[in-house]
Amino acid sequence: MKRQKLFWFLILLFGVAIIWLVIQHANITHSDEYLVDIGLPQSPKGEQLVRHSAFTLSYSELHEQARWVMYSINKSRLGGNEERIDRFAADPAVLTGSAVDSDYKKSGYDRGHLAPAADMSWSAQAMKESFLFSNISPQLPAFNRGIWKKLEESVRRWAKQCDSVIVVTGPVFADSIGVLGANRITIPSAYYKILLMFRGNDIIPAAFLIPNEKLEQEIASFVVSIDNLEEITHIDFFPGLPNVLETEVEANECTLLDDIVTHPVFRFKAAS
């Protein structure tokens, strides 16, 4: 009898392990497999590279926020059920100390997410990380709750039409609006978002540059090329792409049809 109970216990344990592995595999995005080939964006020397479970960022102590945040999403991650926590916190991984909540209080600016909390519902840890101040930037309320939110929602919609998406997003410090808080956080003049959307070995790139202000235009009005963003930000976003492909991908502007990215499409084969 004891052997029979042990047998069924081991069967149950094996079944639980299989289910766990399936869930973990579902949370590995197609684009995660290509991150090694694409490489991380290259930004100025002296900035700290911070790796969290949900995203990687380059922290600028000068501006007291991330210069860029990079992460990937797919249908499975967007189908998570972790609820938004709204608990902002300093990032203990930032060696020089990140911004803090008091910097934003009564400033008139929202604590704007770079990697959106809604993209992090796949993990309690990911959701918690999205509220670290290393992932936060001062955004005008009308911008954060308006066109920026609309772009974030569009990205999630496009991701559900693809295998997965690599996202790079961040602030533009040129012509900054000013500073806020005791930590003198730079108030960006604009924000960018870059997408590499994967369907099989095809890549559909898209890039957007949007001023940090109240806007009534559609997001299609703010389509730019990745090359254009590299000139403005002085960041090489995808240094690991093969040179010919990098030139083609970064020079083209996407086409939006009914708020869906349809063009251009490039073939990408990961390094073996």
Protein backbone atom coordinates (compact mmCIF):
# COMPACT_ATOMS: atom_id res chain seq x y z
CA MET A 1 0.00 0.00 0.00
CA LYS A 2 2.82 2.38 0.89
CA ARG A 3 4.54 1.66 -2.44
CA GLN A 4 1.28 2.34 -4.28
CA LYS A 5 0.86 5.71 -2.54
CA LEU A 6 4.47 6.59 -3.30
CA PHE A 7 3.93 5.65 -6.95
CA TRP A 8 0.91 7.94 -7.32
CA PHE A 9 2.68 10.73 -5.43
CA LEU A 10 5.59 10.55 -7.86
CA ILE A 11 3.18 10.57 -10.82
CA LEU A 12 1.50 13.71 -9.41
CA LEU A 13 4.86 15.37 -8.82
CA PHE A 14 5.94 14.55 -12.36
CA GLY A 15 2.70 16.04 -13.74
CA VAL A 16 3.17 19.27 -11.78
CA ALA A 17 6.74 19.53 -13.09
CA ILE A 18 5.56 19.11 -16.69
CA ILE A 19 2.91 21.83 -16.27
CA TRP A 20 5.51 24.19 -14.75
CA LEU A 21 7.90 23.62 -17.67
CA VAL A 22 5.12 24.29 -20.20
CA ILE A 23 4.26 27.57 -18.46
CA GLN A 24 7.91 28.63 -18.33
CA HIS A 25 8.40 27.82 -22.02
CA ALA A 26 5.33 29.86 -22.94
CA ASN A 27 6.90 32.86 -21.23
CA ILE A 28 10.05 32.62 -23.35
CA THR A 29 9.37 34.88 -26.30
CA HIS A 30 10.48 34.17 -29.85
CA SER A 31 12.42 37.44 -29.71
CA ASP A 32 14.25 36.36 -26.52
CA GLU A 33 16.03 33.82 -28.71
CA TYR A 34 17.25 36.63 -30.96
CA LEU A 35 18.41 39.04 -28.24
CA VAL A 36 21.88 37.51 -28.26
CA ASP A 37 22.17 38.19 -32.00
CA ILE A 38 20.66 41.68 -31.90
CA GLY A 39 22.61 42.87 -28.86
CA LEU A 40 21.77 45.58 -26.36
CA PRO A 41 21.68 49.26 -27.36
CA GLN A 42 24.97 51.10 -26.98
CA SER A 43 24.78 54.30 -24.95
CA PRO A 44 27.37 56.69 -23.45
CA LYS A 45 30.15 55.30 -21.27
CA GLY A 46 29.72 55.64 -17.53
CA GLU A 47 26.06 54.65 -17.47
CA GLN A 48 25.09 51.57 -15.47
CA LEU A 49 23.59 48.58 -17.22
CA VAL A 50 20.83 47.22 -14.94
CA ARG A 51 19.31 43.81 -15.61
CA HIS A 52 15.96 42.88 -14.08
CA SER A 53 13.96 39.74 -14.76
CA ALA A 54 11.52 41.59 -17.03
CA PHE A 55 13.73 44.17 -18.75
CA THR A 56 17.23 45.60 -19.11
CA LEU A 57 18.03 49.31 -18.94
CA SER A 58 20.86 51.81 -19.12
CA TYR A 59 20.67 54.16 -16.13
CA SER A 60 21.84 57.76 -16.56
CA GLU A 61 22.84 59.29 -13.25
CA LEU A 62 23.10 62.67 -14.99
CA HIS A 63 19.40 62.57 -15.89
CA GLU A 64 18.34 60.32 -12.96
CA GLN A 65 16.40 57.89 -15.14
CA ALA A 66 16.91 55.25 -17.81
CA ARG A 67 18.26 56.33 -21.19
CA TRP A 68 16.63 53.22 -22.66
CA VAL A 69 14.67 50.20 -21.47
CA MET A 70 14.60 46.97 -23.52
CA TYR A 71 12.27 44.00 -23.10
CA SER A 72 10.27 41.47 -25.10
CA ILE A 73 6.62 40.40 -25.07
CA ASN A 74 4.41 37.76 -26.66
CA LYS A 75 0.80 36.55 -26.45
CA SER A 76 1.49 34.43 -23.40
CA ARG A 77 3.06 37.24 -21.41
CA LEU A 78 0.25 39.58 -22.31
CA GLY A 79 -2.23 36.97 -21.14
CA GLY A 80 -0.99 37.02 -17.52
CA ASN A 81 -3.25 37.76 -14.58
CA GLU A 82 -0.99 39.72 -12.22
CA GLU A 83 -2.80 42.86 -11.12
CA ARG A 84 -1.27 46.35 -11.18
CA ILE A 85 0.24 47.13 -7.78
CA ASP A 86 0.91 50.92 -7.92
CA ARG A 87 3.76 50.73 -5.41
CA PHE A 88 6.59 52.88 -6.71
CA ALA A 89 10.02 52.28 -5.17
CA ALA A 90 13.66 53.27 -5.51
CA ASP A 91 15.70 50.76 -7.50
CA PRO A 92 18.25 49.09 -5.17
CA ALA A 93 20.19 47.82 -8.19
CA VAL A 94 21.17 51.38 -9.21
CA LEU A 95 24.54 51.85 -7.51
CA THR A 96 24.38 55.66 -7.47
CA GLY A 97 20.80 55.66 -6.17
CA SER A 98 17.72 56.13 -8.31
CA ALA A 99 15.04 58.80 -8.14
CA VAL A 100 12.56 58.55 -5.26
CA ASP A 101 8.87 59.19 -4.77
CA SER A 102 9.33 62.62 -3.18
CA ASP A 103 10.94 63.89 -6.42
CA TYR A 104 7.57 63.58 -8.15
CA LYS A 105 5.19 64.72 -5.41
CA LYS A 106 3.31 67.92 -6.27
CA SER A 107 5.48 68.30 -9.39
CA GLY A 108 2.60 68.33 -11.85
CA TYR A 109 4.18 65.39 -13.71
CA ASP A 110 3.07 61.77 -13.82
CA ARG A 111 5.37 58.93 -12.84
CA GLY A 112 5.42 57.68 -16.42
CA HIS A 113 6.34 54.07 -17.11
CA LEU A 114 8.87 53.31 -19.84
CA ALA A 115 8.17 49.57 -19.81
CA PRO A 116 4.40 49.61 -19.13
CA ALA A 117 2.97 47.81 -16.12
CA ALA A 118 0.31 46.32 -18.41
CA ASP A 119 3.08 44.49 -20.31
CA MET A 120 4.26 42.87 -17.06
CA SER A 121 1.14 40.94 -16.02
CA TRP A 122 2.92 37.62 -16.68
CA SER A 123 4.88 37.69 -13.41
CA ALA A 124 4.54 39.15 -9.92
CA GLN A 125 8.25 39.98 -9.99
CA ALA A 126 7.95 41.65 -13.39
CA MET A 127 5.01 43.74 -12.19
CA LYS A 128 6.96 44.81 -9.10
CA GLU A 129 10.00 45.75 -11.19
CA SER A 130 7.94 47.92 -13.52
CA PHE A 131 7.28 50.30 -10.60
CA LEU A 132 10.96 50.83 -9.81
CA PHE A 133 11.97 54.44 -10.39
CA SER A 134 14.66 53.30 -12.84
CA ASN A 135 11.72 52.52 -15.16
CA ILE A 136 9.94 55.82 -14.49
CA SER A 137 10.24 59.18 -16.25
CA PRO A 138 8.41 62.52 -15.74
CA GLN A 139 5.57 62.80 -18.24
CA LEU A 140 2.89 65.43 -18.56
CA PRO A 141 -0.44 63.87 -17.48
CA ALA A 142 -2.11 64.66 -20.82
CA PHE A 143 0.74 62.91 -22.63
CA ASN A 144 1.00 59.90 -20.32
CA ARG A 145 -2.74 59.28 -20.21
CA GLY A 146 -3.29 60.24 -23.82
CA ILE A 147 -1.19 59.42 -26.85
CA TRP A 148 1.50 57.49 -24.90
CA LYS A 149 -1.16 55.20 -23.45
CA LYS A 150 -2.66 54.76 -26.91
CA LEU A 151 0.72 53.75 -28.34
CA GLU A 152 1.27 51.26 -25.51
CA GLU A 153 -2.14 49.71 -26.20
CA SER A 154 -1.34 49.51 -29.90
CA VAL A 155 1.95 47.72 -29.19
CA ARG A 156 0.10 45.07 -27.18
CA ARG A 157 -2.40 44.64 -30.00
CA TRP A 158 0.36 44.24 -32.58
CA ALA A 159 2.23 41.79 -30.33
CA LYS A 160 -0.82 39.51 -30.33
CA GLN A 161 -0.62 39.40 -34.13
CA CYS A 162 3.03 38.33 -34.08
CA ASP A 163 5.17 35.59 -32.58
CA SER A 164 6.77 38.18 -30.31
CA VAL A 165 8.10 41.73 -30.15
CA ILE A 166 11.30 43.35 -28.92
CA VAL A 167 10.63 46.82 -27.50
CA VAL A 168 13.17 49.56 -26.84
CA THR A 169 11.79 52.74 -25.30
CA GLY A 170 13.09 55.82 -23.55
CA PRO A 171 13.26 59.60 -23.17
CA VAL A 172 14.80 62.27 -25.39
CA PHE A 173 16.97 64.63 -23.35
CA ALA A 174 17.79 67.13 -26.10
CA ASP A 175 15.87 70.41 -25.57
CA SER A 176 14.69 69.14 -22.18
CA ILE A 177 11.90 71.03 -20.42
CA GLY A 178 13.73 71.41 -17.10
CA VAL A 179 14.33 69.39 -13.93
CA LEU A 180 12.24 68.31 -10.96
CA GLY A 181 12.79 67.12 -7.39
CA ALA A 182 15.78 67.10 -5.08
CA ASN A 183 17.48 64.64 -7.41
CA ARG A 184 17.04 67.06 -10.31
CA ILE A 185 15.41 64.60 -12.70
CA THR A 186 15.57 65.77 -16.30
CA ILE A 187 12.12 66.39 -17.81
CA PRO A 188 12.38 64.95 -21.35
CA SER A 189 11.19 66.91 -24.36
CA ALA A 190 9.93 63.74 -26.05
CA TYR A 191 9.82 59.95 -25.88
CA TYR A 192 10.61 57.23 -28.40
CA LYS A 193 9.50 53.66 -28.84
CA ILE A 194 11.11 51.14 -31.21
CA LEU A 195 9.65 47.76 -32.12
CA LEU A 196 11.08 44.71 -33.84
CA MET A 197 8.05 42.48 -34.50
CA PHE A 198 8.79 38.85 -35.34
CA ARG A 199 6.75 36.54 -37.55
CA GLY A 200 8.80 33.44 -38.13
CA ASN A 201 12.14 34.77 -39.38
CA ASP A 202 10.55 37.97 -40.68
CA ILE A 203 11.05 41.27 -38.88
CA ILE A 204 8.65 44.19 -39.09
CA PRO A 205 10.35 47.27 -37.59
CA ALA A 206 8.51 50.33 -36.34
CA ALA A 207 9.64 53.48 -34.54
CA PHE A 208 7.86 56.46 -33.01
CA LEU A 209 9.00 59.83 -31.65
CA ILE A 210 6.38 61.75 -29.66
CA PRO A 211 6.72 65.14 -27.90
CA ASN A 212 6.03 65.20 -24.16
CA GLU A 213 2.87 67.28 -24.45
CA LYS A 214 -0.86 67.05 -24.99
CA LEU A 215 -1.51 65.90 -28.55
CA GLU A 216 -4.62 65.20 -30.58
CA GLN A 217 -2.99 63.57 -33.63
CA GLU A 218 -3.07 59.86 -34.40
CA ILE A 219 0.07 57.85 -33.63
CA ALA A 220 0.72 57.44 -37.36
CA SER A 221 1.72 61.13 -37.34
CA PHE A 222 4.76 60.27 -35.21
CA VAL A 223 6.27 57.44 -37.24
CA VAL A 224 10.01 57.88 -37.85
CA SER A 225 12.91 55.67 -38.91
CA ILE A 226 15.23 54.04 -36.38
CA ASP A 227 18.08 55.91 -38.10
CA ASN A 228 16.33 59.16 -37.25
CA LEU A 229 16.09 58.17 -33.58
CA GLU A 230 19.76 57.17 -33.50
CA GLU A 231 20.73 60.63 -34.74
CA ILE A 232 18.61 62.31 -32.07
CA THR A 233 19.54 60.06 -29.12
CA HIS A 234 23.13 59.11 -30.11
CA ILE A 235 22.31 55.47 -29.36
CA ASP A 236 23.15 52.50 -31.60
CA PHE A 237 20.01 50.49 -30.89
CA PHE A 238 20.72 47.13 -32.56
CA PRO A 239 24.50 46.72 -32.91
CA GLY A 240 24.28 42.94 -33.30
CA LEU A 241 22.17 42.94 -36.45
CA PRO A 242 24.09 41.95 -39.60
CA ASN A 243 25.31 45.20 -41.20
CA VAL A 244 23.28 44.92 -44.39
CA LEU A 245 20.10 44.05 -42.50
CA GLU A 246 20.73 46.75 -39.90
CA THR A 247 21.03 49.34 -42.66
CA GLU A 248 17.76 48.25 -44.27
CA VAL A 249 15.77 47.86 -41.05
CA GLU A 250 16.86 51.15 -39.52
CA ALA A 251 16.45 53.27 -42.65
CA ASN A 252 12.79 52.40 -43.30
CA GLU A 253 9.65 53.90 -41.81
CA CYS A 254 6.74 51.60 -41.07
CA THR A 255 3.31 51.83 -42.65
CA LEU A 256 0.23 51.90 -40.42
CA LEU A 257 -2.99 50.55 -41.89
CA ASP A 258 -5.98 50.88 -39.56
CA ASP A 259 -3.52 51.14 -36.65
CA ILE A 260 -1.78 47.88 -37.65
CA VAL A 261 1.85 47.79 -38.76
CA THR A 262 1.95 46.21 -42.22
CA HIS A 263 5.26 47.25 -43.81
CA PRO A 264 8.23 46.88 -44.25
CA VAL A 265 9.16 43.22 -43.72
CA PHE A 266 12.73 41.89 -43.59
CA ARG A 267 14.16 38.39 -43.35
CA PHE A 268 16.34 37.66 -40.33
CA LYS A 269 18.22 34.45 -39.59
CA ALA A 270 19.63 34.11 -36.08
CA ALA A 271 23.29 33.19 -35.78
CA SER A 272 23.89 29.47 -35.39
